[in-house]
Structures are given as C-alpha cells and as structure tokens.
Amino acid sequence: MVKGVTRQVVVVRGPDRKWFEQAIFLLREETEEVPPEEQVLQQAQAVAEDYLLRASPRARRRQKWRLVWAALAGGAAASLLWWVGILPLPF
C-alpha cells in the first residue's frame, strides 16, 4: 500500500560509483526553521564521506590492528602489575 506522505530529501551522488551510487537523506519534519540549502548539502556530503572512510577496507584493517595493540598493551600492563606485586617490599 502506498501512503501519501511528502518528505523533504537530500540526494548526494557518489563521485566514485564503486562504493555507492547515491545516498538519500530524509530531513526531519519537526524542525521549525529550515537551514540554508548549501548548509544541508555540506552536512550530507560530510556524513557520506565519513561513512566511506569508516567502511573502507583500509579502515577495517586499521580497526583490527587497534584491537590487537589494545590487547597487547592490556597484557603488558597486567604483567607489569603482577611483577611489581611479587617484589618484596623494602619496609
């Protein structure tokens, strides 16, 4: 069933069709004042670029390595605390 509702949308076309053809943003209906068209387009483009940066294979690899380094740092910190804990106190 098709419902007769009109909404304002912003369509951002991707410069490289490898990742996406277009992104569609729905503007909120609750807003009383409508921002300038140029500001809406800039924000939509920034969101689309941010998504591409996070979704790229390079970003995913970087995130995996960040987890590996965090695990190694946690293990090193725990080992250091254990080693300091077993030292005899000079008191």
N, C-alpha and C. Protein backbone atom coordinates (compact mmCIF):
# COMPACT_ATOMS: atom_id res chain seq x y z
N MET A 1 0.84 -1.16 0.00
CA MET A 1 0.00 0.00 0.00
C MET A 1 0.90 1.24 0.00
N VAL A 2 0.55 2.21 -0.78
CA VAL A 2 1.32 3.45 -0.86
C VAL A 2 0.60 4.50 -0.04
N LYS A 3 1.34 5.14 0.82
CA LYS A 3 0.77 6.16 1.68
C LYS A 3 1.18 7.53 1.13
N GLY A 4 0.28 8.45 1.08
CA GLY A 4 0.55 9.76 0.51
C GLY A 4 1.21 10.70 1.50
N VAL A 5 2.51 10.55 1.67
CA VAL A 5 3.25 11.40 2.58
C VAL A 5 4.37 12.07 1.79
N THR A 6 4.49 13.36 1.94
CA THR A 6 5.59 14.05 1.27
C THR A 6 6.64 14.41 2.30
N ARG A 7 7.88 14.19 1.95
CA ARG A 7 9.01 14.50 2.83
C ARG A 7 10.07 15.18 2.01
N GLN A 8 10.85 16.01 2.69
CA GLN A 8 11.96 16.65 2.01
C GLN A 8 13.17 15.74 2.09
N VAL A 9 13.84 15.56 0.97
CA VAL A 9 15.00 14.68 0.92
C VAL A 9 16.18 15.42 0.30
N VAL A 10 17.37 14.93 0.64
CA VAL A 10 18.61 15.40 0.02
C VAL A 10 19.27 14.18 -0.59
N VAL A 11 19.60 14.26 -1.87
CA VAL A 11 20.25 13.16 -2.56
C VAL A 11 21.67 13.57 -2.88
N VAL A 12 22.63 12.78 -2.39
CA VAL A 12 24.05 13.03 -2.66
C VAL A 12 24.54 11.92 -3.55
N ARG A 13 25.01 12.28 -4.72
CA ARG A 13 25.54 11.28 -5.66
C ARG A 13 27.01 11.04 -5.36
N GLY A 14 27.40 9.77 -5.42
CA GLY A 14 28.78 9.41 -5.12
C GLY A 14 29.70 9.75 -6.27
N PRO A 15 30.88 10.29 -5.98
CA PRO A 15 31.83 10.60 -7.06
C PRO A 15 32.40 9.33 -7.69
N ASP A 16 32.54 8.29 -6.90
CA ASP A 16 33.06 7.02 -7.39
C ASP A 16 31.96 5.99 -7.20
N ARG A 17 31.43 5.47 -8.26
CA ARG A 17 30.30 4.54 -8.16
C ARG A 17 30.71 3.16 -7.65
N LYS A 18 31.97 3.01 -7.31
CA LYS A 18 32.44 1.74 -6.76
C LYS A 18 31.80 1.47 -5.41
N TRP A 19 31.61 2.53 -4.61
CA TRP A 19 31.11 2.36 -3.25
C TRP A 19 29.61 2.56 -3.16
N PHE A 20 29.11 3.65 -3.69
CA PHE A 20 27.66 3.85 -3.69
C PHE A 20 27.27 4.75 -4.85
N GLU A 21 26.05 4.55 -5.31
CA GLU A 21 25.55 5.35 -6.42
C GLU A 21 25.00 6.68 -5.91
N GLN A 22 24.20 6.59 -4.86
CA GLN A 22 23.66 7.80 -4.26
C GLN A 22 23.26 7.53 -2.82
N ALA A 23 23.30 8.57 -2.03
CA ALA A 23 22.86 8.49 -0.64
C ALA A 23 21.65 9.41 -0.49
N ILE A 24 20.63 8.91 0.16
CA ILE A 24 19.40 9.67 0.33
C ILE A 24 19.22 10.00 1.80
N PHE A 25 19.10 11.28 2.12
CA PHE A 25 18.90 11.74 3.49
C PHE A 25 17.51 12.34 3.60
N LEU A 26 16.79 11.92 4.63
CA LEU A 26 15.45 12.46 4.88
C LEU A 26 15.56 13.56 5.92
N LEU A 27 15.03 14.72 5.62
CA LEU A 27 15.06 15.83 6.56
C LEU A 27 13.98 15.65 7.61
N ARG A 28 14.27 16.05 8.81
CA ARG A 28 13.30 15.95 9.90
C ARG A 28 12.11 16.86 9.65
N GLU A 29 10.95 16.37 10.02
CA GLU A 29 9.74 17.17 9.86
C GLU A 29 9.53 18.09 11.06
N GLU A 30 10.13 17.75 12.21
CA GLU A 30 9.89 18.50 13.44
C GLU A 30 10.58 19.86 13.46
N THR A 31 11.57 20.06 12.60
CA THR A 31 12.30 21.32 12.64
C THR A 31 11.42 22.47 12.16
N GLU A 32 11.45 23.54 12.93
CA GLU A 32 10.63 24.69 12.59
C GLU A 32 11.29 25.57 11.54
N GLU A 33 12.60 25.76 11.68
CA GLU A 33 13.30 26.59 10.70
C GLU A 33 14.15 25.70 9.81
N VAL A 34 14.07 25.93 8.54
CA VAL A 34 14.81 25.13 7.57
C VAL A 34 16.17 25.79 7.35
N PRO A 35 17.28 25.05 7.53
CA PRO A 35 18.60 25.63 7.30
C PRO A 35 18.81 25.92 5.82
N PRO A 36 19.79 26.74 5.49
CA PRO A 36 20.06 27.03 4.08
C PRO A 36 20.42 25.75 3.32
N GLU A 37 20.04 25.72 2.06
CA GLU A 37 20.24 24.54 1.23
C GLU A 37 21.72 24.15 1.16
N GLU A 38 22.58 25.14 1.06
CA GLU A 38 24.01 24.86 0.96
C GLU A 38 24.54 24.18 2.22
N GLN A 39 24.05 24.61 3.38
CA GLN A 39 24.48 24.00 4.65
C GLN A 39 24.00 22.56 4.75
N VAL A 40 22.78 22.29 4.29
CA VAL A 40 22.25 20.93 4.32
C VAL A 40 23.07 20.02 3.41
N LEU A 41 23.39 20.52 2.22
CA LEU A 41 24.20 19.72 1.28
C LEU A 41 25.59 19.44 1.83
N GLN A 42 26.22 20.43 2.46
CA GLN A 42 27.55 20.23 3.03
C GLN A 42 27.53 19.18 4.13
N GLN A 43 26.50 19.22 4.97
CA GLN A 43 26.42 18.25 6.06
C GLN A 43 26.15 16.85 5.51
N ALA A 44 25.30 16.73 4.50
CA ALA A 44 25.02 15.42 3.90
C ALA A 44 26.28 14.86 3.25
N GLN A 45 27.04 15.69 2.56
CA GLN A 45 28.28 15.23 1.94
C GLN A 45 29.30 14.81 2.99
N ALA A 46 29.36 15.54 4.10
CA ALA A 46 30.29 15.18 5.17
C ALA A 46 29.93 13.84 5.78
N VAL A 47 28.65 13.57 5.96
CA VAL A 47 28.20 12.28 6.50
C VAL A 47 28.55 11.15 5.54
N ALA A 48 28.32 11.37 4.25
CA ALA A 48 28.63 10.34 3.26
C ALA A 48 30.13 10.07 3.20
N GLU A 49 30.96 11.10 3.26
CA GLU A 49 32.42 10.92 3.25
C GLU A 49 32.89 10.20 4.50
N ASP A 50 32.30 10.53 5.65
CA ASP A 50 32.66 9.88 6.91
C ASP A 50 32.33 8.39 6.84
N TYR A 51 31.18 8.06 6.25
CA TYR A 51 30.81 6.65 6.11
C TYR A 51 31.81 5.93 5.23
N LEU A 52 32.20 6.54 4.12
CA LEU A 52 33.17 5.89 3.24
C LEU A 52 34.50 5.67 3.93
N LEU A 53 34.93 6.63 4.74
CA LEU A 53 36.20 6.47 5.45
C LEU A 53 36.13 5.33 6.46
N ARG A 54 34.97 5.17 7.12
CA ARG A 54 34.84 4.09 8.11
C ARG A 54 34.60 2.74 7.46
N ALA A 55 33.98 2.70 6.28
CA ALA A 55 33.60 1.44 5.66
C ALA A 55 34.66 0.89 4.71
N SER A 56 35.70 1.65 4.45
CA SER A 56 36.71 1.19 3.50
C SER A 56 37.50 0.01 4.09
N PRO A 57 38.03 -0.85 3.24
CA PRO A 57 38.81 -1.99 3.74
C PRO A 57 40.02 -1.56 4.56
N ARG A 58 40.64 -0.45 4.20
CA ARG A 58 41.80 0.04 4.95
C ARG A 58 41.40 0.42 6.38
N ALA A 59 40.24 1.06 6.52
CA ALA A 59 39.77 1.44 7.85
C ALA A 59 39.45 0.21 8.69
N ARG A 60 38.89 -0.82 8.07
CA ARG A 60 38.60 -2.05 8.82
C ARG A 60 39.87 -2.74 9.29
N ARG A 61 40.90 -2.75 8.44
CA ARG A 61 42.18 -3.34 8.85
C ARG A 61 42.78 -2.55 10.01
N ARG A 62 42.70 -1.22 9.91
CA ARG A 62 43.24 -0.37 10.97
C ARG A 62 42.51 -0.64 12.28
N GLN A 63 41.21 -0.85 12.21
CA GLN A 63 40.44 -1.11 13.43
C GLN A 63 40.84 -2.46 14.04
N LYS A 64 41.09 -3.47 13.21
CA LYS A 64 41.53 -4.77 13.73
C LYS A 64 42.88 -4.65 14.42
N TRP A 65 43.82 -3.91 13.81
CA TRP A 65 45.12 -3.74 14.43
C TRP A 65 45.03 -2.96 15.72
N ARG A 66 44.10 -2.02 15.79
CA ARG A 66 43.91 -1.26 17.02
C ARG A 66 43.49 -2.19 18.15
N LEU A 67 42.63 -3.16 17.84
CA LEU A 67 42.22 -4.14 18.85
C LEU A 67 43.39 -5.02 19.28
N VAL A 68 44.23 -5.41 18.33
CA VAL A 68 45.39 -6.24 18.66
C VAL A 68 46.34 -5.47 19.58
N TRP A 69 46.62 -4.21 19.24
CA TRP A 69 47.52 -3.41 20.07
C TRP A 69 46.93 -3.16 21.45
N ALA A 70 45.62 -2.97 21.53
CA ALA A 70 44.97 -2.77 22.84
C ALA A 70 45.10 -4.03 23.69
N ALA A 71 44.93 -5.20 23.08
CA ALA A 71 45.07 -6.45 23.83
C ALA A 71 46.50 -6.64 24.31
N LEU A 72 47.47 -6.35 23.45
CA LEU A 72 48.88 -6.47 23.85
C LEU A 72 49.23 -5.50 24.98
N ALA A 73 48.73 -4.27 24.88
CA ALA A 73 49.01 -3.28 25.93
C ALA A 73 48.36 -3.70 27.25
N GLY A 74 47.16 -4.26 27.18
CA GLY A 74 46.50 -4.74 28.41
C GLY A 74 47.27 -5.88 29.04
N GLY A 75 47.76 -6.80 28.21
CA GLY A 75 48.55 -7.91 28.73
C GLY A 75 49.85 -7.43 29.35
N ALA A 76 50.49 -6.45 28.71
CA ALA A 76 51.74 -5.91 29.25
C ALA A 76 51.49 -5.20 30.57
N ALA A 77 50.41 -4.44 30.66
CA ALA A 77 50.09 -3.73 31.91
C ALA A 77 49.79 -4.73 33.03
N ALA A 78 49.06 -5.78 32.73
CA ALA A 78 48.75 -6.78 33.75
C ALA A 78 50.03 -7.50 34.20
N SER A 79 50.91 -7.80 33.26
CA SER A 79 52.17 -8.46 33.62
C SER A 79 53.02 -7.55 34.49
N LEU A 80 53.08 -6.27 34.16
CA LEU A 80 53.86 -5.33 34.95
C LEU A 80 53.30 -5.21 36.36
N LEU A 81 52.00 -5.13 36.49
CA LEU A 81 51.39 -5.05 37.82
C LEU A 81 51.65 -6.32 38.62
N TRP A 82 51.60 -7.47 37.98
CA TRP A 82 51.87 -8.73 38.68
C TRP A 82 53.33 -8.75 39.13
N TRP A 83 54.25 -8.34 38.26
CA TRP A 83 55.66 -8.36 38.59
C TRP A 83 55.96 -7.41 39.74
N VAL A 84 55.36 -6.21 39.71
CA VAL A 84 55.57 -5.26 40.81
C VAL A 84 54.95 -5.81 42.09
N GLY A 85 53.86 -6.54 41.98
CA GLY A 85 53.19 -7.08 43.16
C GLY A 85 53.96 -8.18 43.86
N ILE A 86 54.80 -8.92 43.13
CA ILE A 86 55.53 -10.01 43.76
C ILE A 86 56.88 -9.58 44.32
N LEU A 87 57.32 -8.36 44.01
CA LEU A 87 58.58 -7.87 44.56
C LEU A 87 58.46 -7.70 46.07
N PRO A 88 59.52 -8.06 46.79
CA PRO A 88 59.45 -7.85 48.26
C PRO A 88 59.54 -6.35 48.58
N LEU A 89 58.76 -5.94 49.51
CA LEU A 89 58.75 -4.55 49.90
C LEU A 89 59.97 -4.26 50.78
N PRO A 90 60.61 -3.10 50.66
CA PRO A 90 61.81 -2.81 51.45
C PRO A 90 61.53 -2.40 52.89
N PHE A 91 60.31 -2.43 53.32
CA PHE A 91 59.98 -1.98 54.68
C PHE A 91 60.37 -2.99 55.69
